[in-house]
Each structure stands twice: as structure tokens, then as C-alpha cells.
Amino acid sequence: MSWREKNDDSVFSDEAINARLTEELPAWRFEKGWIRRTYKTSGWKSTLMVVNTVGHLAEAGFHHPDLVVSYAFVTVKLMNHAAKGITEKDFALAKKIESVVMWQPGLESGALTGTPDDPRFKYIKYD
């Protein structure tokens, strides 16, 4: 069965997890049973914005990560506790978090230009 045929509660093998991360979420890694990503921020205010964003997305999706929070970074760790492994829910939430947290409106056309290139307005350290 391919990963596209699995339902939300099917646990992926380590090989399938690593293949999907390479293909779909290259900044994420599989470690000690979790898929995880560390977002570097410019300081405490930015860290709190990332935490609140992740919290909103997790609550809306009703799938909750573990977070490691420090002054200038947030680590998001995902695993389906009920299934005791990585499932489609983990990949879906990771993709949503990645798309929102790493969004750079200045790279798109439109009215939103993104934060100025000025240290006073630093927010997140983009990849």
C-alpha cells in the first residue's frame, strides 16, 4: 500500500517517513519517533508569534504537537499519540505549519510586501 492510500490512523514505516520528508518537507527531520522542525526567530516576541500560530493551526486541525520554546527558536514535534507513530495527520499539520510560518509575502506579487529589511522589524529567520 502506498502512502497515498493510507488513512489518517495508519502508521508509516521509518523508510516511508524519511521519503516523504525528503519529498514534501525537506526542512523537517525524523528523530526518536517524531517528525520535527526548528524555526529560528529574531527573539522572544517573534517566538511567541510562531507559538501562537502553531497553536491556532493545531487546535483548528485538532491534532496537537509538542513544542520546545526558547528565546530565539521554536521546535515543533509531531507524532500521533493515539496511533503511536507518524500518520497522515502529522504530515498534514506539518505542511500547514510550514506554509504559514514560512510564508514570505514579499516573494509574491500583491499588496502585502512583507517585513522591511531592517533589524527593527526582524521576525523569523527564513530558510
C-alpha atoms as a PDB file:
ATOM      1  CA  MET A   1       0.000   0.000   0.000  1.00  0.00           C
ATOM      2  CA  SER A   2       1.437   3.388  -0.961  1.00  0.00           C
ATOM      3  CA  TRP A   3       1.372   6.336   1.439  1.00  0.00           C
ATOM      4  CA  ARG A   4      -1.355   7.927  -0.672  1.00  0.00           C
ATOM      5  CA  GLU A   5      -3.678   5.002   0.124  1.00  0.00           C
ATOM      6  CA  LYS A   6      -3.236   5.099   3.904  1.00  0.00           C
ATOM      7  CA  ASN A   7      -5.956   6.547   6.104  1.00  0.00           C
ATOM      8  CA  ASP A   8      -5.294   9.109   8.847  1.00  0.00           C
ATOM      9  CA  ASP A   9      -4.628   6.482  11.523  1.00  0.00           C
ATOM     10  CA  SER A  10      -2.226   4.216   9.625  1.00  0.00           C
ATOM     11  CA  VAL A  11       1.334   4.444  10.932  1.00  0.00           C
ATOM     12  CA  PHE A  12       4.078   4.935   8.359  1.00  0.00           C
ATOM     13  CA  SER A  13       7.311   2.946   8.319  1.00  0.00           C
ATOM     14  CA  ASP A  14      10.568   4.775   9.048  1.00  0.00           C
ATOM     15  CA  GLU A  15      11.515   4.472   5.371  1.00  0.00           C
ATOM     16  CA  ALA A  16       8.207   5.963   4.207  1.00  0.00           C
ATOM     17  CA  ILE A  17       8.506   8.813   6.720  1.00  0.00           C
ATOM     18  CA  ASN A  18      12.001   9.720   5.564  1.00  0.00           C
ATOM     19  CA  ALA A  19      10.971   9.514   1.896  1.00  0.00           C
ATOM     20  CA  ARG A  20       8.006  11.821   2.439  1.00  0.00           C
ATOM     21  CA  LEU A  21      10.049  14.320   4.438  1.00  0.00           C
ATOM     22  CA  THR A  22      12.668  14.430   1.681  1.00  0.00           C
ATOM     23  CA  GLU A  23       9.975  14.947  -0.963  1.00  0.00           C
ATOM     24  CA  GLU A  24       7.477  17.172   0.835  1.00  0.00           C
ATOM     25  CA  LEU A  25       9.065  18.730   3.918  1.00  0.00           C
ATOM     26  CA  PRO A  26      12.840  18.902   3.405  1.00  0.00           C
ATOM     27  CA  ALA A  27      13.435  21.181   6.420  1.00  0.00           C
ATOM     28  CA  TRP A  28      11.800  18.620   8.723  1.00  0.00           C
ATOM     29  CA  ARG A  29      13.551  15.546  10.131  1.00  0.00           C
ATOM     30  CA  PHE A  30      12.518  12.222  11.659  1.00  0.00           C
ATOM     31  CA  GLU A  31      14.135  11.653  15.032  1.00  0.00           C
ATOM     32  CA  LYS A  32      13.269   9.469  18.044  1.00  0.00           C
ATOM     33  CA  GLY A  33       9.777   8.689  16.756  1.00  0.00           C
ATOM     34  CA  TRP A  34       8.798  12.282  15.924  1.00  0.00           C
ATOM     35  CA  ILE A  35       8.852  14.443  12.837  1.00  0.00           C
ATOM     36  CA  ARG A  36      10.287  17.770  13.903  1.00  0.00           C
ATOM     37  CA  ARG A  37      11.327  21.191  12.718  1.00  0.00           C
ATOM     38  CA  THR A  38      13.080  24.065  14.479  1.00  0.00           C
ATOM     39  CA  TYR A  39      12.083  27.580  13.485  1.00  0.00           C
ATOM     40  CA  LYS A  40      14.669  30.240  14.331  1.00  0.00           C
ATOM     41  CA  THR A  41      13.252  33.608  15.298  1.00  0.00           C
ATOM     42  CA  SER A  42      14.672  37.043  15.987  1.00  0.00           C
ATOM     43  CA  GLY A  43      13.749  36.988  19.674  1.00  0.00           C
ATOM     44  CA  TRP A  44      11.054  36.422  22.243  1.00  0.00           C
ATOM     45  CA  LYS A  45       8.214  38.391  20.565  1.00  0.00           C
ATOM     46  CA  SER A  46       8.746  36.507  17.306  1.00  0.00           C
ATOM     47  CA  THR A  47       8.957  33.204  19.175  1.00  0.00           C
ATOM     48  CA  LEU A  48       5.575  33.886  20.761  1.00  0.00           C
ATOM     49  CA  MET A  49       4.066  34.693  17.356  1.00  0.00           C
ATOM     50  CA  VAL A  50       5.277  31.345  15.998  1.00  0.00           C
ATOM     51  CA  VAL A  51       3.951  29.503  19.071  1.00  0.00           C
ATOM     52  CA  ASN A  52       0.559  31.184  18.739  1.00  0.00           C
ATOM     53  CA  THR A  53       0.402  30.420  15.020  1.00  0.00           C
ATOM     54  CA  VAL A  54       1.236  26.758  15.581  1.00  0.00           C
ATOM     55  CA  GLY A  55      -1.255  26.633  18.449  1.00  0.00           C
ATOM     56  CA  HIS A  56      -4.044  28.030  16.296  1.00  0.00           C
ATOM     57  CA  LEU A  57      -3.370  25.622  13.435  1.00  0.00           C
ATOM     58  CA  ALA A  58      -3.119  22.640  15.796  1.00  0.00           C
ATOM     59  CA  GLU A  59      -6.350  23.469  17.583  1.00  0.00           C
ATOM     60  CA  ALA A  60      -8.213  24.131  14.327  1.00  0.00           C
ATOM     61  CA  GLY A  61      -6.978  20.780  12.977  1.00  0.00           C
ATOM     62  CA  PHE A  62      -7.485  19.020  16.338  1.00  0.00           C
ATOM     63  CA  HIS A  63      -4.026  17.468  16.192  1.00  0.00           C
ATOM     64  CA  HIS A  64      -1.582  18.763  18.760  1.00  0.00           C
ATOM     65  CA  PRO A  65       2.233  18.935  18.615  1.00  0.00           C
ATOM     66  CA  ASP A  66       4.747  19.060  21.406  1.00  0.00           C
ATOM     67  CA  LEU A  67       6.693  22.316  21.408  1.00  0.00           C
ATOM     68  CA  VAL A  68      10.123  23.256  22.700  1.00  0.00           C
ATOM     69  CA  VAL A  69      10.167  27.014  23.193  1.00  0.00           C
ATOM     70  CA  SER A  70      13.195  29.198  23.843  1.00  0.00           C
ATOM     71  CA  TYR A  71      14.152  32.836  23.394  1.00  0.00           C
ATOM     72  CA  ALA A  72      15.023  32.620  19.689  1.00  0.00           C
ATOM     73  CA  PHE A  73      13.599  29.319  18.448  1.00  0.00           C
ATOM     74  CA  VAL A  74      10.589  27.038  18.474  1.00  0.00           C
ATOM     75  CA  THR A  75      10.867  23.307  17.838  1.00  0.00           C
ATOM     76  CA  VAL A  76       7.673  21.609  16.671  1.00  0.00           C
ATOM     77  CA  LYS A  77       7.441  17.852  17.271  1.00  0.00           C
ATOM     78  CA  LEU A  78       4.641  15.800  15.745  1.00  0.00           C
ATOM     79  CA  MET A  79       3.537  12.227  16.385  1.00  0.00           C
ATOM     80  CA  ASN A  80       0.053  10.736  16.559  1.00  0.00           C
ATOM     81  CA  HIS A  81      -0.097   9.664  20.204  1.00  0.00           C
ATOM     82  CA  ALA A  82      -3.222   7.536  19.742  1.00  0.00           C
ATOM     83  CA  ALA A  83      -1.681   5.636  16.809  1.00  0.00           C
ATOM     84  CA  LYS A  84       1.758   5.533  18.478  1.00  0.00           C
ATOM     85  CA  GLY A  85       3.559   6.698  15.352  1.00  0.00           C
ATOM     86  CA  ILE A  86       3.627   9.064  12.398  1.00  0.00           C
ATOM     87  CA  THR A  87       0.374   9.204  10.437  1.00  0.00           C
ATOM     88  CA  GLU A  88      -1.154  11.291   7.678  1.00  0.00           C
ATOM     89  CA  LYS A  89      -2.351  13.753  10.328  1.00  0.00           C
ATOM     90  CA  ASP A  90       1.255  14.559  11.227  1.00  0.00           C
ATOM     91  CA  PHE A  91       2.219  15.270   7.637  1.00  0.00           C
ATOM     92  CA  ALA A  92      -0.917  17.358   7.042  1.00  0.00           C
ATOM     93  CA  LEU A  93      -0.311  19.540  10.090  1.00  0.00           C
ATOM     94  CA  ALA A  94       3.424  19.850   9.362  1.00  0.00           C
ATOM     95  CA  LYS A  95       2.653  21.076   5.834  1.00  0.00           C
ATOM     96  CA  LYS A  96       0.123  23.616   7.109  1.00  0.00           C
ATOM     97  CA  ILE A  97       2.537  24.899   9.782  1.00  0.00           C
ATOM     98  CA  GLU A  98       5.367  25.124   7.254  1.00  0.00           C
ATOM     99  CA  SER A  99       3.259  27.020   4.712  1.00  0.00           C
ATOM    100  CA  VAL A 100       2.021  29.568   7.247  1.00  0.00           C
ATOM    101  CA  VAL A 101       5.147  30.125   9.362  1.00  0.00           C
ATOM    102  CA  MET A 102       7.494  30.303   6.368  1.00  0.00           C
ATOM    103  CA  TRP A 103       5.166  32.463   4.243  1.00  0.00           C
ATOM    104  CA  GLN A 104       7.038  35.388   2.708  1.00  0.00           C
ATOM    105  CA  PRO A 105       4.581  37.774   1.065  1.00  0.00           C
ATOM    106  CA  GLY A 106       7.439  39.845  -0.329  1.00  0.00           C
ATOM    107  CA  LEU A 107       8.254  36.967  -2.693  1.00  0.00           C
ATOM    108  CA  GLU A 108       4.742  37.073  -4.182  1.00  0.00           C
ATOM    109  CA  SER A 109       3.076  39.760  -6.195  1.00  0.00           C
ATOM    110  CA  GLY A 110       0.380  41.662  -4.402  1.00  0.00           C
ATOM    111  CA  ALA A 111      -0.327  44.358  -1.865  1.00  0.00           C
ATOM    112  CA  LEU A 112       1.462  42.633   1.027  1.00  0.00           C
ATOM    113  CA  THR A 113       5.188  43.230   0.828  1.00  0.00           C
ATOM    114  CA  GLY A 114       6.462  41.523   3.966  1.00  0.00           C
ATOM    115  CA  THR A 115       8.612  42.987   6.710  1.00  0.00           C
ATOM    116  CA  PRO A 116      11.219  45.578   5.721  1.00  0.00           C
ATOM    117  CA  ASP A 117      14.866  44.584   5.565  1.00  0.00           C
ATOM    118  CA  ASP A 118      15.605  46.474   8.764  1.00  0.00           C
ATOM    119  CA  PRO A 119      16.751  44.940  12.079  1.00  0.00           C
ATOM    120  CA  ARG A 120      13.933  46.733  13.922  1.00  0.00           C
ATOM    121  CA  PHE A 121      11.389  44.618  12.057  1.00  0.00           C
ATOM    122  CA  LYS A 122      13.093  41.213  12.072  1.00  0.00           C
ATOM    123  CA  TYR A 123      10.644  38.396  12.620  1.00  0.00           C
ATOM    124  CA  ILE A 124      11.734  34.932  11.587  1.00  0.00           C
ATOM    125  CA  LYS A 125      14.890  33.603  10.013  1.00  0.00           C
ATOM    126  CA  TYR A 126      13.728  32.231   6.685  1.00  0.00           C
ATOM    127  CA  ASP A 127      15.485  29.248   5.134  1.00  0.00           C
END
